[in-house]
Amino acid sequence: MKHVLLAALLACASTLAIAQVGNPTPPTFADRAEEARFRALVTELRCVMCQNQSLADSNAMVAQDLRREVLALMRQGKTDAQIQDYLVARYGEFVLYKPRVEERTWLLWFGPLALLLAGGAVVALVVRRHAGGKPVAEDDAQEW
């Protein structure tokens, strides 16, 4: 009988622990400004486990830990740039939704514009070559 009671007690305790992990308590903020700053910051940061979710959108345990860490860094008086630098140093440039414009990210930032300009130049060349050719003779016998 003792074993059955002990097993039931352990099952209840583990269920409560799992429920607490699955539904963490939301953070409490000192004021609305702190909450707005926190929300803005976690939407600019990517979850390191989820491919295309921000820290604000992710339910992963890592994202929950990172949200708590961001809030702790905010309360230590760190600026948004310092918090982002800290997370980039720890997890790499991937953690930022908007990568910084640096020498190694130029292709990412300016590549689409270069492709668009190159495509426009090709279209302009094709149109110019065809416009310089013989005019098309109109066939009056054909009815449309």
Foldseek 3Di string as FASTA:
>chain_A
DVVVVVVVVVVVVVVVVVVCLQDPDDDDDPDPVLVVVLVVLQQQWCQLVDQDHTLVGDSDSSSVVLSVVLSVCVVVVDDSVRSVVVVCVVRNQSGGPDGDDDPVCCCVVCVVVVVVVVVVVVVVVVVVVVVPDDDDDDDPVDDD
